[in-house]
């Protein structure tokens, strides 16, 4: 679960503002 949260954090480093808004809670939800 921690690994999945870390993966989301890495992905969002490349996100547009719209993508960041859509997925911002995805990693934290695993934590």
ModelCIF file with pLDDT and N, C-alpha, C, O atoms, coordinates in Angstrom:
data_MODEL
#
_entry.id   MODEL 
#
_entity.id                         1 
_entity.type                       polymer 
_entity.pdbx_number_of_molecules   1 
#
_entity_poly.entity_id                      1 
_entity_poly.type                           'polypeptide(L)' 
_entity_poly.nstd_linkage                   no 
_entity_poly.nstd_monomer                   no 
_entity_poly.pdbx_seq_one_letter_code       
;(UNK)(UNK)(UNK)(UNK)(UNK)(UNK)(UNK)(UNK)(UNK)(UNK)(UNK)(UNK)(UNK)(UNK)(UNK)(UNK)
(UNK)(UNK)(UNK)(UNK)(UNK)(UNK)(UNK)(UNK)(UNK)(UNK)(UNK)(UNK)(UNK)(UNK)(UNK)
;
_entity_poly.pdbx_seq_one_letter_code_can   XXXXXXXXXXXXXXXXXXXXXXXXXXXXXXX 
_entity_poly.pdbx_strand_id                 A 
#
loop_
_entity_poly_seq.entity_id 
_entity_poly_seq.num 
_entity_poly_seq.mon_id 
_entity_poly_seq.hetero 
1 1  UNK n 
1 2  UNK n 
1 3  UNK n 
1 4  UNK n 
1 5  UNK n 
1 6  UNK n 
1 7  UNK n 
1 8  UNK n 
1 9  UNK n 
1 10 UNK n 
1 11 UNK n 
1 12 UNK n 
1 13 UNK n 
1 14 UNK n 
1 15 UNK n 
1 16 UNK n 
1 17 UNK n 
1 18 UNK n 
1 19 UNK n 
1 20 UNK n 
1 21 UNK n 
1 22 UNK n 
1 23 UNK n 
1 24 UNK n 
1 25 UNK n 
1 26 UNK n 
1 27 UNK n 
1 28 UNK n 
1 29 UNK n 
1 30 UNK n 
1 31 UNK n 
#
_struct_asym.id          A 
_struct_asym.entity_id   1 
#
loop_
_ma_qa_metric.id 
_ma_qa_metric.mode 
_ma_qa_metric.name 
_ma_qa_metric.software_group_id 
_ma_qa_metric.type 
1 global pLDDT . pLDDT 
2 local  pLDDT . pLDDT 
#
_ma_qa_metric_global.metric_id      1 
_ma_qa_metric_global.metric_value   93.06 
_ma_qa_metric_global.model_id       1 
_ma_qa_metric_global.ordinal_id     1 
#
loop_
_ma_qa_metric_local.label_asym_id 
_ma_qa_metric_local.label_comp_id 
_ma_qa_metric_local.label_seq_id 
_ma_qa_metric_local.metric_id 
_ma_qa_metric_local.metric_value 
_ma_qa_metric_local.model_id 
_ma_qa_metric_local.ordinal_id 
A UNK 1  2 97.00 1 1  
A UNK 2  2 98.00 1 2  
A UNK 3  2 97.00 1 3  
A UNK 4  2 96.00 1 4  
A UNK 5  2 96.00 1 5  
A UNK 6  2 96.00 1 6  
A UNK 7  2 95.00 1 7  
A UNK 8  2 94.00 1 8  
A UNK 9  2 93.00 1 9  
A UNK 10 2 93.00 1 10 
A UNK 11 2 91.00 1 11 
A UNK 12 2 90.00 1 12 
A UNK 13 2 89.00 1 13 
A UNK 14 2 89.00 1 14 
A UNK 15 2 90.00 1 15 
A UNK 16 2 91.00 1 16 
A UNK 17 2 91.00 1 17 
A UNK 18 2 92.00 1 18 
A UNK 19 2 90.00 1 19 
A UNK 20 2 90.00 1 20 
A UNK 21 2 91.00 1 21 
A UNK 22 2 92.00 1 22 
A UNK 23 2 92.00 1 23 
A UNK 24 2 90.00 1 24 
A UNK 25 2 93.00 1 25 
A UNK 26 2 93.00 1 26 
A UNK 27 2 94.00 1 27 
A UNK 28 2 95.00 1 28 
A UNK 29 2 95.00 1 29 
A UNK 30 2 96.00 1 30 
A UNK 31 2 96.00 1 31 
#
loop_
_atom_site.group_PDB 
_atom_site.id 
_atom_site.type_symbol 
_atom_site.label_atom_id 
_atom_site.label_alt_id 
_atom_site.label_comp_id 
_atom_site.label_asym_id 
_atom_site.label_entity_id 
_atom_site.label_seq_id 
_atom_site.pdbx_PDB_ins_code 
_atom_site.Cartn_x 
_atom_site.Cartn_y 
_atom_site.Cartn_z 
_atom_site.occupancy 
_atom_site.B_iso_or_equiv 
_atom_site.pdbx_formal_charge 
_atom_site.auth_seq_id 
_atom_site.auth_comp_id 
_atom_site.auth_asym_id 
_atom_site.auth_atom_id 
_atom_site.pdbx_PDB_model_num 
ATOM 1   N N  . UNK A 1 1  ? 0.837  -1.203 0.000   1.00 97.00 ? 1  UNK A N  1 
ATOM 2   C CA . UNK A 1 1  ? 0.000  0.000  0.000   1.00 97.00 ? 1  UNK A CA 1 
ATOM 3   C C  . UNK A 1 1  ? 0.868  1.248  0.000   1.00 97.00 ? 1  UNK A C  1 
ATOM 4   O O  . UNK A 1 1  ? 0.571  2.219  -0.695  1.00 97.00 ? 1  UNK A O  1 
ATOM 5   N N  . UNK A 1 2  ? 1.936  1.219  0.776   1.00 98.00 ? 2  UNK A N  1 
ATOM 6   C CA . UNK A 1 2  ? 2.868  2.347  0.771   1.00 98.00 ? 2  UNK A CA 1 
ATOM 7   C C  . UNK A 1 2  ? 3.519  2.478  -0.607  1.00 98.00 ? 2  UNK A C  1 
ATOM 8   O O  . UNK A 1 2  ? 3.671  3.587  -1.120  1.00 98.00 ? 2  UNK A O  1 
ATOM 9   N N  . UNK A 1 3  ? 3.899  1.359  -1.202  1.00 97.00 ? 3  UNK A N  1 
ATOM 10  C CA . UNK A 1 3  ? 4.500  1.388  -2.528  1.00 97.00 ? 3  UNK A CA 1 
ATOM 11  C C  . UNK A 1 3  ? 3.583  1.999  -3.564  1.00 97.00 ? 3  UNK A C  1 
ATOM 12  O O  . UNK A 1 3  ? 4.042  2.732  -4.439  1.00 97.00 ? 3  UNK A O  1 
ATOM 13  N N  . UNK A 1 4  ? 2.288  1.710  -3.480  1.00 96.00 ? 4  UNK A N  1 
ATOM 14  C CA . UNK A 1 4  ? 1.332  2.288  -4.433  1.00 96.00 ? 4  UNK A CA 1 
ATOM 15  C C  . UNK A 1 4  ? 1.210  3.792  -4.206  1.00 96.00 ? 4  UNK A C  1 
ATOM 16  O O  . UNK A 1 4  ? 1.114  4.558  -5.165  1.00 96.00 ? 4  UNK A O  1 
ATOM 17  N N  . UNK A 1 5  ? 1.213  4.216  -2.954  1.00 96.00 ? 5  UNK A N  1 
ATOM 18  C CA . UNK A 1 5  ? 1.162  5.649  -2.675  1.00 96.00 ? 5  UNK A CA 1 
ATOM 19  C C  . UNK A 1 5  ? 2.396  6.360  -3.239  1.00 96.00 ? 5  UNK A C  1 
ATOM 20  O O  . UNK A 1 5  ? 2.289  7.456  -3.790  1.00 96.00 ? 5  UNK A O  1 
ATOM 21  N N  . UNK A 1 6  ? 3.556  5.736  -3.098  1.00 96.00 ? 6  UNK A N  1 
ATOM 22  C CA . UNK A 1 6  ? 4.788  6.315  -3.635  1.00 96.00 ? 6  UNK A CA 1 
ATOM 23  C C  . UNK A 1 6  ? 4.739  6.393  -5.162  1.00 96.00 ? 6  UNK A C  1 
ATOM 24  O O  . UNK A 1 6  ? 5.249  7.342  -5.758  1.00 96.00 ? 6  UNK A O  1 
ATOM 25  N N  . UNK A 1 7  ? 4.122  5.390  -5.790  1.00 95.00 ? 7  UNK A N  1 
ATOM 26  C CA . UNK A 1 7  ? 3.987  5.411  -7.250  1.00 95.00 ? 7  UNK A CA 1 
ATOM 27  C C  . UNK A 1 7  ? 3.129  6.586  -7.706  1.00 95.00 ? 7  UNK A C  1 
ATOM 28  O O  . UNK A 1 7  ? 3.455  7.255  -8.688  1.00 95.00 ? 7  UNK A O  1 
ATOM 29  N N  . UNK A 1 8  ? 2.032  6.837  -6.991  1.00 94.00 ? 8  UNK A N  1 
ATOM 30  C CA . UNK A 1 8  ? 1.184  7.975  -7.337  1.00 94.00 ? 8  UNK A CA 1 
ATOM 31  C C  . UNK A 1 8  ? 1.944  9.290  -7.169  1.00 94.00 ? 8  UNK A C  1 
ATOM 32  O O  . UNK A 1 8  ? 1.811  10.199 -7.988  1.00 94.00 ? 8  UNK A O  1 
ATOM 33  N N  . UNK A 1 9  ? 2.727  9.386  -6.123  1.00 93.00 ? 9  UNK A N  1 
ATOM 34  C CA . UNK A 1 9  ? 3.493  10.608 -5.903  1.00 93.00 ? 9  UNK A CA 1 
ATOM 35  C C  . UNK A 1 9  ? 4.459  10.862 -7.056  1.00 93.00 ? 9  UNK A C  1 
ATOM 36  O O  . UNK A 1 9  ? 4.601  11.997 -7.511  1.00 93.00 ? 9  UNK A O  1 
ATOM 37  N N  . UNK A 1 10 ? 5.127  9.803  -7.530  1.00 93.00 ? 10 UNK A N  1 
ATOM 38  C CA . UNK A 1 10 ? 6.037  9.961  -8.664  1.00 93.00 ? 10 UNK A CA 1 
ATOM 39  C C  . UNK A 1 10 ? 5.278  10.396 -9.917  1.00 93.00 ? 10 UNK A C  1 
ATOM 40  O O  . UNK A 1 10 ? 5.726  11.290 -10.636 1.00 93.00 ? 10 UNK A O  1 
ATOM 41  N N  . UNK A 1 11 ? 4.141  9.773  -10.178 1.00 91.00 ? 11 UNK A N  1 
ATOM 42  C CA . UNK A 1 11 ? 3.368  10.100 -11.374 1.00 91.00 ? 11 UNK A CA 1 
ATOM 43  C C  . UNK A 1 11 ? 2.899  11.548 -11.361 1.00 91.00 ? 11 UNK A C  1 
ATOM 44  O O  . UNK A 1 11 ? 2.946  12.229 -12.385 1.00 91.00 ? 11 UNK A O  1 
ATOM 45  N N  . UNK A 1 12 ? 2.448  12.016 -10.207 1.00 90.00 ? 12 UNK A N  1 
ATOM 46  C CA . UNK A 1 12 ? 1.891  13.366 -10.137 1.00 90.00 ? 12 UNK A CA 1 
ATOM 47  C C  . UNK A 1 12 ? 2.940  14.445 -10.315 1.00 90.00 ? 12 UNK A C  1 
ATOM 48  O O  . UNK A 1 12 ? 2.606  15.604 -10.561 1.00 90.00 ? 12 UNK A O  1 
ATOM 49  N N  . UNK A 1 13 ? 4.211  14.073 -10.192 1.00 89.00 ? 13 UNK A N  1 
ATOM 50  C CA . UNK A 1 13 ? 5.267  15.043 -10.457 1.00 89.00 ? 13 UNK A CA 1 
ATOM 51  C C  . UNK A 1 13 ? 5.253  15.490 -11.919 1.00 89.00 ? 13 UNK A C  1 
ATOM 52  O O  . UNK A 1 13 ? 5.804  16.535 -12.265 1.00 89.00 ? 13 UNK A O  1 
ATOM 53  N N  . UNK A 1 14 ? 4.614  14.680 -12.774 1.00 89.00 ? 14 UNK A N  1 
ATOM 54  C CA . UNK A 1 14 ? 4.538  14.981 -14.208 1.00 89.00 ? 14 UNK A CA 1 
ATOM 55  C C  . UNK A 1 14 ? 3.161  15.508 -14.616 1.00 89.00 ? 14 UNK A C  1 
ATOM 56  O O  . UNK A 1 14 ? 2.932  15.767 -15.797 1.00 89.00 ? 14 UNK A O  1 
ATOM 57  N N  . UNK A 1 15 ? 2.257  15.669 -13.678 1.00 90.00 ? 15 UNK A N  1 
ATOM 58  C CA . UNK A 1 15 ? 0.859  15.945 -13.999 1.00 90.00 ? 15 UNK A CA 1 
ATOM 59  C C  . UNK A 1 15 ? 0.621  17.399 -14.387 1.00 90.00 ? 15 UNK A C  1 
ATOM 60  O O  . UNK A 1 15 ? 1.292  18.312 -13.905 1.00 90.00 ? 15 UNK A O  1 
ATOM 61  N N  . UNK A 1 16 ? -0.348 17.583 -15.268 1.00 91.00 ? 16 UNK A N  1 
ATOM 62  C CA . UNK A 1 16 ? -0.866 18.924 -15.534 1.00 91.00 ? 16 UNK A CA 1 
ATOM 63  C C  . UNK A 1 16 ? -1.724 19.340 -14.332 1.00 91.00 ? 16 UNK A C  1 
ATOM 64  O O  . UNK A 1 16 ? -2.081 18.491 -13.515 1.00 91.00 ? 16 UNK A O  1 
ATOM 65  N N  . UNK A 1 17 ? -2.057 20.621 -14.210 1.00 91.00 ? 17 UNK A N  1 
ATOM 66  C CA . UNK A 1 17 ? -2.939 21.027 -13.111 1.00 91.00 ? 17 UNK A CA 1 
ATOM 67  C C  . UNK A 1 17 ? -4.257 20.261 -13.093 1.00 91.00 ? 17 UNK A C  1 
ATOM 68  O O  . UNK A 1 17 ? -4.779 19.938 -12.026 1.00 91.00 ? 17 UNK A O  1 
ATOM 69  N N  . UNK A 1 18 ? -4.790 19.974 -14.266 1.00 92.00 ? 18 UNK A N  1 
ATOM 70  C CA . UNK A 1 18 ? -6.055 19.233 -14.329 1.00 92.00 ? 18 UNK A CA 1 
ATOM 71  C C  . UNK A 1 18 ? -5.879 17.793 -13.842 1.00 92.00 ? 18 UNK A C  1 
ATOM 72  O O  . UNK A 1 18 ? -6.720 17.265 -13.115 1.00 92.00 ? 18 UNK A O  1 
ATOM 73  N N  . UNK A 1 19 ? -4.773 17.168 -14.254 1.00 90.00 ? 19 UNK A N  1 
ATOM 74  C CA . UNK A 1 19 ? -4.509 15.796 -13.806 1.00 90.00 ? 19 UNK A CA 1 
ATOM 75  C C  . UNK A 1 19 ? -4.214 15.754 -12.314 1.00 90.00 ? 19 UNK A C  1 
ATOM 76  O O  . UNK A 1 19 ? -4.642 14.835 -11.616 1.00 90.00 ? 19 UNK A O  1 
ATOM 77  N N  . UNK A 1 20 ? -3.487 16.743 -11.830 1.00 90.00 ? 20 UNK A N  1 
ATOM 78  C CA . UNK A 1 20 ? -3.188 16.783 -10.401 1.00 90.00 ? 20 UNK A CA 1 
ATOM 79  C C  . UNK A 1 20 ? -4.475 16.897 -9.587  1.00 90.00 ? 20 UNK A C  1 
ATOM 80  O O  . UNK A 1 20 ? -4.622 16.254 -8.547  1.00 90.00 ? 20 UNK A O  1 
ATOM 81  N N  . UNK A 1 21 ? -5.402 17.719 -10.070 1.00 91.00 ? 21 UNK A N  1 
ATOM 82  C CA . UNK A 1 21 ? -6.681 17.863 -9.374  1.00 91.00 ? 21 UNK A CA 1 
ATOM 83  C C  . UNK A 1 21 ? -7.470 16.564 -9.390  1.00 91.00 ? 21 UNK A C  1 
ATOM 84  O O  . UNK A 1 21 ? -8.140 16.227 -8.414  1.00 91.00 ? 21 UNK A O  1 
ATOM 85  N N  . UNK A 1 22 ? -7.389 15.827 -10.509 1.00 92.00 ? 22 UNK A N  1 
ATOM 86  C CA . UNK A 1 22 ? -8.148 14.579 -10.630 1.00 92.00 ? 22 UNK A CA 1 
ATOM 87  C C  . UNK A 1 22 ? -7.588 13.480 -9.744  1.00 92.00 ? 22 UNK A C  1 
ATOM 88  O O  . UNK A 1 22 ? -8.346 12.694 -9.174  1.00 92.00 ? 22 UNK A O  1 
ATOM 89  N N  . UNK A 1 23 ? -6.257 13.417 -9.622  1.00 92.00 ? 23 UNK A N  1 
ATOM 90  C CA . UNK A 1 23 ? -5.631 12.270 -8.959  1.00 92.00 ? 23 UNK A CA 1 
ATOM 91  C C  . UNK A 1 23 ? -4.957 12.608 -7.627  1.00 92.00 ? 23 UNK A C  1 
ATOM 92  O O  . UNK A 1 23 ? -4.301 11.750 -7.036  1.00 92.00 ? 23 UNK A O  1 
ATOM 93  N N  . UNK A 1 24 ? -5.107 13.832 -7.151  1.00 90.00 ? 24 UNK A N  1 
ATOM 94  C CA . UNK A 1 24 ? -4.314 14.262 -5.992  1.00 90.00 ? 24 UNK A CA 1 
ATOM 95  C C  . UNK A 1 24 ? -4.529 13.396 -4.750  1.00 90.00 ? 24 UNK A C  1 
ATOM 96  O O  . UNK A 1 24 ? -3.631 13.284 -3.915  1.00 90.00 ? 24 UNK A O  1 
ATOM 97  N N  . UNK A 1 25 ? -5.703 12.785 -4.622  1.00 93.00 ? 25 UNK A N  1 
ATOM 98  C CA . UNK A 1 25 ? -5.995 11.993 -3.425  1.00 93.00 ? 25 UNK A CA 1 
ATOM 99  C C  . UNK A 1 25 ? -5.720 10.500 -3.603  1.00 93.00 ? 25 UNK A C  1 
ATOM 100 O O  . UNK A 1 25 ? -5.889 9.718  -2.667  1.00 93.00 ? 25 UNK A O  1 
ATOM 101 N N  . UNK A 1 26 ? -5.296 10.106 -4.809  1.00 93.00 ? 26 UNK A N  1 
ATOM 102 C CA . UNK A 1 26 ? -5.155 8.672  -5.096  1.00 93.00 ? 26 UNK A CA 1 
ATOM 103 C C  . UNK A 1 26 ? -4.092 8.012  -4.226  1.00 93.00 ? 26 UNK A C  1 
ATOM 104 O O  . UNK A 1 26 ? -4.317 6.929  -3.686  1.00 93.00 ? 26 UNK A O  1 
ATOM 105 N N  . UNK A 1 27 ? -2.940 8.654  -4.088  1.00 94.00 ? 27 UNK A N  1 
ATOM 106 C CA . UNK A 1 27 ? -1.884 8.060  -3.280  1.00 94.00 ? 27 UNK A CA 1 
ATOM 107 C C  . UNK A 1 27 ? -2.225 8.030  -1.812  1.00 94.00 ? 27 UNK A C  1 
ATOM 108 O O  . UNK A 1 27 ? -2.001 7.023  -1.140  1.00 94.00 ? 27 UNK A O  1 
ATOM 109 N N  . UNK A 1 28 ? -2.771 9.134  -1.298  1.00 95.00 ? 28 UNK A N  1 
ATOM 110 C CA . UNK A 1 28 ? -3.111 9.197  0.115   1.00 95.00 ? 28 UNK A CA 1 
ATOM 111 C C  . UNK A 1 28 ? -4.182 8.177  0.478   1.00 95.00 ? 28 UNK A C  1 
ATOM 112 O O  . UNK A 1 28 ? -4.217 7.689  1.607   1.00 95.00 ? 28 UNK A O  1 
ATOM 113 N N  . UNK A 1 29 ? -5.056 7.852  -0.475  1.00 95.00 ? 29 UNK A N  1 
ATOM 114 C CA . UNK A 1 29 ? -6.108 6.877  -0.174  1.00 95.00 ? 29 UNK A CA 1 
ATOM 115 C C  . UNK A 1 29 ? -5.520 5.511  0.182   1.00 95.00 ? 29 UNK A C  1 
ATOM 116 O O  . UNK A 1 29 ? -6.086 4.783  0.997   1.00 95.00 ? 29 UNK A O  1 
ATOM 117 N N  . UNK A 1 30 ? -4.372 5.161  -0.436  1.00 96.00 ? 30 UNK A N  1 
ATOM 118 C CA . UNK A 1 30 ? -3.716 3.893  -0.080  1.00 96.00 ? 30 UNK A CA 1 
ATOM 119 C C  . UNK A 1 30 ? -3.122 3.968  1.323   1.00 96.00 ? 30 UNK A C  1 
ATOM 120 O O  . UNK A 1 30 ? -3.148 2.986  2.064   1.00 96.00 ? 30 UNK A O  1 
ATOM 121 N N  . UNK A 1 31 ? -2.590 5.123  1.683   1.00 96.00 ? 31 UNK A N  1 
ATOM 122 C CA . UNK A 1 31 ? -2.051 5.274  3.036   1.00 96.00 ? 31 UNK A CA 1 
ATOM 123 C C  . UNK A 1 31 ? -3.181 5.259  4.070   1.00 96.00 ? 31 UNK A C  1 
ATOM 124 O O  . UNK A 1 31 ? -2.922 5.375  5.268   1.00 96.00 ? 31 UNK A O  1 
#
